[in-house]
Amino acid sequence: MQTNNSMLQNEAKVKNWIIAISIVIPVAVAVLLFMPQKLDVGADWVYFLPHLNAVMNSAASIALILGLVFVKQKKYSYHGATMSVAFGLGAIFLISYVIYHGAAESTTFGGEGWIRPVYYGLLISHILLAAVALFPILFAYYYGYTDQRAKHRKVVKFAYPIWLYVSISGVIVYLMISPYYVH
């Protein structure tokens, strides 16, 4: 059985990892997006990834909504399972997103008129919230996983709406830009 001191030390280590991951991943994504030379992965298979990402974001959105339904019904094991599915899909999405943007040039939105500012407004809000979402999501998941319900509830008040917005807006952004993909 762990002593209280060692439990606090372990929690401090986890918090430090969460903070580091929450900084490193958005910086790495930004570097990949703006690097002058894309990585050569040797095939055109990467051009399928945006479509796969949209499916994963759609599934994650459904899992997030089901997670909310289950917690409201006090079905905590179902809640934990659906949130783990959403978390896993998010992790796979992130890997896929990094691979795609490391290897492929960004697609330019071709819409004109009133839809253009709508698209860019949605895209900018999506990007900004995605950049900060990892921090509260990781804490919410950690507190839920370790059954620290009071801390979990506090963080989820911020993490859940941001995560759901980023997931859903990602799908909408994809649907709006997908006609302009060249591959």
Protein backbone atom coordinates (compact mmCIF):
# COMPACT_ATOMS: atom_id res chain seq x y z
CA MET A 1 0.00 0.00 0.00
CA GLN A 2 1.36 3.39 -0.99
CA THR A 3 1.95 6.03 1.61
CA ASN A 4 0.23 9.36 1.30
CA ASN A 5 3.57 11.01 0.50
CA SER A 6 4.37 8.61 -2.36
CA MET A 7 0.83 9.00 -3.74
CA LEU A 8 1.31 12.77 -3.78
CA GLN A 9 4.67 12.35 -5.51
CA ASN A 10 3.11 10.08 -8.14
CA GLU A 11 0.29 12.55 -8.74
CA ALA A 12 2.82 15.38 -9.11
CA LYS A 13 4.69 13.33 -11.71
CA VAL A 14 1.48 12.67 -13.63
CA LYS A 15 0.56 16.36 -13.53
CA ASN A 16 4.02 17.29 -14.84
CA TRP A 17 3.60 14.79 -17.70
CA ILE A 18 0.16 16.17 -18.52
CA ILE A 19 1.52 19.72 -18.61
CA ALA A 20 4.50 18.67 -20.77
CA ILE A 21 2.31 16.73 -23.22
CA SER A 22 -0.17 19.61 -23.38
CA ILE A 23 2.65 21.93 -24.48
CA VAL A 24 4.73 19.62 -26.68
CA ILE A 25 1.89 18.29 -28.86
CA PRO A 26 0.45 21.66 -29.99
CA VAL A 27 3.99 22.96 -30.64
CA ALA A 28 4.83 19.83 -32.67
CA VAL A 29 1.62 20.17 -34.67
CA ALA A 30 2.36 23.84 -35.38
CA VAL A 31 5.88 22.97 -36.53
CA LEU A 32 4.55 20.26 -38.85
CA LEU A 33 1.92 22.58 -40.29
CA PHE A 34 4.37 25.36 -41.09
CA MET A 35 7.56 23.49 -41.91
CA PRO A 36 8.84 24.42 -45.38
CA GLN A 37 9.58 20.84 -46.49
CA LYS A 38 7.02 18.10 -45.93
CA LEU A 39 8.10 14.59 -44.92
CA ASP A 40 8.30 12.02 -47.69
CA VAL A 41 6.31 8.99 -46.55
CA GLY A 42 6.68 7.33 -49.94
CA ALA A 43 3.03 7.00 -50.89
CA ASP A 44 -0.22 8.77 -51.53
CA TRP A 45 -1.99 6.82 -48.76
CA VAL A 46 -1.75 9.89 -46.50
CA TYR A 47 -4.43 11.63 -48.59
CA PHE A 48 -6.99 9.19 -47.18
CA LEU A 49 -6.26 10.35 -43.62
CA PRO A 50 -8.50 13.47 -43.57
CA HIS A 51 -11.48 11.25 -44.44
CA LEU A 52 -10.51 8.77 -41.72
CA ASN A 53 -10.04 11.67 -39.28
CA ALA A 54 -13.56 12.92 -39.97
CA VAL A 55 -14.96 9.46 -39.27
CA MET A 56 -12.95 9.24 -36.04
CA ASN A 57 -14.09 12.72 -34.95
CA SER A 58 -17.69 11.79 -35.71
CA ALA A 59 -17.38 8.60 -33.66
CA ALA A 60 -15.65 10.51 -30.84
CA SER A 61 -18.48 13.06 -30.83
CA ILE A 62 -21.04 10.27 -30.50
CA ALA A 63 -19.00 8.67 -27.71
CA LEU A 64 -18.78 12.02 -25.90
CA ILE A 65 -22.54 12.53 -26.11
CA LEU A 66 -23.19 8.96 -24.94
CA GLY A 67 -20.74 9.54 -22.10
CA LEU A 68 -22.80 12.51 -20.95
CA VAL A 69 -26.03 10.52 -21.20
CA PHE A 70 -24.54 7.66 -19.19
CA VAL A 71 -23.18 9.87 -16.41
CA LYS A 72 -26.56 11.64 -16.13
CA GLN A 73 -28.13 8.17 -15.76
CA LYS A 74 -25.48 7.30 -13.15
CA LYS A 75 -24.24 4.44 -15.33
CA TYR A 76 -20.63 5.12 -14.43
CA SER A 77 -19.08 2.02 -15.98
CA TYR A 78 -20.74 2.85 -19.34
CA HIS A 79 -19.68 6.46 -18.91
CA GLY A 80 -16.07 5.40 -18.33
CA ALA A 81 -16.17 3.05 -21.31
CA THR A 82 -17.55 5.63 -23.74
CA MET A 83 -15.14 8.28 -22.51
CA SER A 84 -12.27 5.82 -22.95
CA VAL A 85 -13.47 5.19 -26.51
CA ALA A 86 -13.56 8.96 -27.15
CA PHE A 87 -10.09 9.32 -25.60
CA GLY A 88 -8.68 6.44 -27.68
CA LEU A 89 -10.22 7.81 -30.87
CA GLY A 90 -8.76 11.21 -30.02
CA ALA A 91 -5.30 9.70 -29.58
CA ILE A 92 -5.51 7.81 -32.89
CA PHE A 93 -6.86 10.94 -34.57
CA LEU A 94 -3.93 12.97 -33.26
CA ILE A 95 -1.40 10.49 -34.65
CA SER A 96 -3.20 10.44 -38.01
CA TYR A 97 -3.44 14.24 -38.05
CA VAL A 98 0.28 14.63 -37.35
CA ILE A 99 1.18 12.12 -40.07
CA TYR A 100 -1.06 13.85 -42.62
CA HIS A 101 0.11 17.39 -41.88
CA GLY A 102 3.72 16.27 -41.72
CA ALA A 103 3.48 14.75 -45.19
CA ALA A 104 0.87 16.74 -47.13
CA GLU A 105 0.46 20.39 -48.00
CA SER A 106 -2.52 22.10 -46.41
CA THR A 107 -5.61 22.43 -48.57
CA THR A 108 -6.90 25.93 -49.33
CA PHE A 109 -10.60 26.63 -48.83
CA GLY A 110 -12.15 27.61 -52.15
CA GLY A 111 -15.54 28.85 -51.00
CA GLU A 112 -16.57 32.41 -51.80
CA GLY A 113 -19.07 34.91 -50.49
CA TRP A 114 -20.68 34.64 -47.06
CA ILE A 115 -19.46 31.05 -46.52
CA ARG A 116 -15.80 32.11 -46.49
CA PRO A 117 -15.90 34.08 -43.19
CA VAL A 118 -18.14 31.38 -41.70
CA TYR A 119 -15.56 28.72 -42.60
CA TYR A 120 -12.59 30.70 -41.32
CA GLY A 121 -14.40 31.71 -38.13
CA LEU A 122 -15.20 28.08 -37.45
CA LEU A 123 -11.69 26.96 -38.41
CA ILE A 124 -9.95 29.55 -36.21
CA SER A 125 -12.14 28.76 -33.18
CA HIS A 126 -11.56 25.04 -33.80
CA ILE A 127 -7.77 25.47 -34.00
CA LEU A 128 -7.52 27.71 -30.92
CA LEU A 129 -9.66 25.45 -28.78
CA ALA A 130 -7.92 22.31 -30.09
CA ALA A 131 -4.59 23.82 -29.06
CA VAL A 132 -5.73 24.24 -25.46
CA ALA A 133 -8.10 21.26 -25.24
CA LEU A 134 -5.50 18.64 -24.44
CA PHE A 135 -4.67 20.15 -21.04
CA PRO A 136 -8.14 19.89 -19.46
CA ILE A 137 -8.98 16.66 -21.34
CA LEU A 138 -5.92 14.87 -19.98
CA PHE A 139 -6.65 16.06 -16.45
CA ALA A 140 -10.34 15.10 -16.74
CA TYR A 141 -9.44 11.66 -18.03
CA TYR A 142 -6.78 11.13 -15.37
CA TYR A 143 -9.10 12.18 -12.54
CA GLY A 144 -11.90 10.01 -13.90
CA TYR A 145 -9.59 7.04 -14.40
CA THR A 146 -8.22 7.34 -10.86
CA ASP A 147 -11.75 7.84 -9.44
CA GLN A 148 -11.06 11.32 -8.08
CA ARG A 149 -14.65 12.36 -8.75
CA ALA A 150 -14.62 15.82 -7.16
CA LYS A 151 -11.56 16.88 -9.18
CA HIS A 152 -12.97 15.14 -12.26
CA ARG A 153 -16.24 17.09 -12.04
CA LYS A 154 -14.40 20.41 -11.66
CA VAL A 155 -12.23 19.88 -14.74
CA VAL A 156 -14.99 18.34 -16.85
CA LYS A 157 -16.98 21.58 -16.64
CA PHE A 158 -14.32 23.04 -18.95
CA ALA A 159 -12.95 19.97 -20.71
CA TYR A 160 -16.20 18.45 -21.93
CA PRO A 161 -17.67 21.41 -23.85
CA ILE A 162 -14.30 22.24 -25.39
CA TRP A 163 -13.70 18.62 -26.40
CA LEU A 164 -17.20 18.24 -27.86
CA TYR A 165 -16.94 21.53 -29.76
CA VAL A 166 -13.51 20.62 -31.17
CA SER A 167 -14.76 17.17 -32.25
CA ILE A 168 -17.93 18.44 -33.91
CA SER A 169 -16.34 21.54 -35.45
CA GLY A 170 -13.56 19.34 -36.85
CA VAL A 171 -16.14 17.32 -38.76
CA ILE A 172 -17.87 20.47 -40.02
CA VAL A 173 -14.55 22.00 -41.12
CA TYR A 174 -13.74 18.75 -42.93
CA LEU A 175 -17.12 18.71 -44.69
CA MET A 176 -16.65 22.33 -45.77
CA ILE A 177 -13.12 21.86 -47.14
CA SER A 178 -13.38 18.31 -48.51
CA PRO A 179 -14.56 19.43 -51.98
CA TYR A 180 -11.24 21.26 -52.36
CA TYR A 181 -8.92 18.32 -51.62
CA VAL A 182 -6.79 17.52 -54.68
CA HIS A 183 -6.21 13.83 -53.92
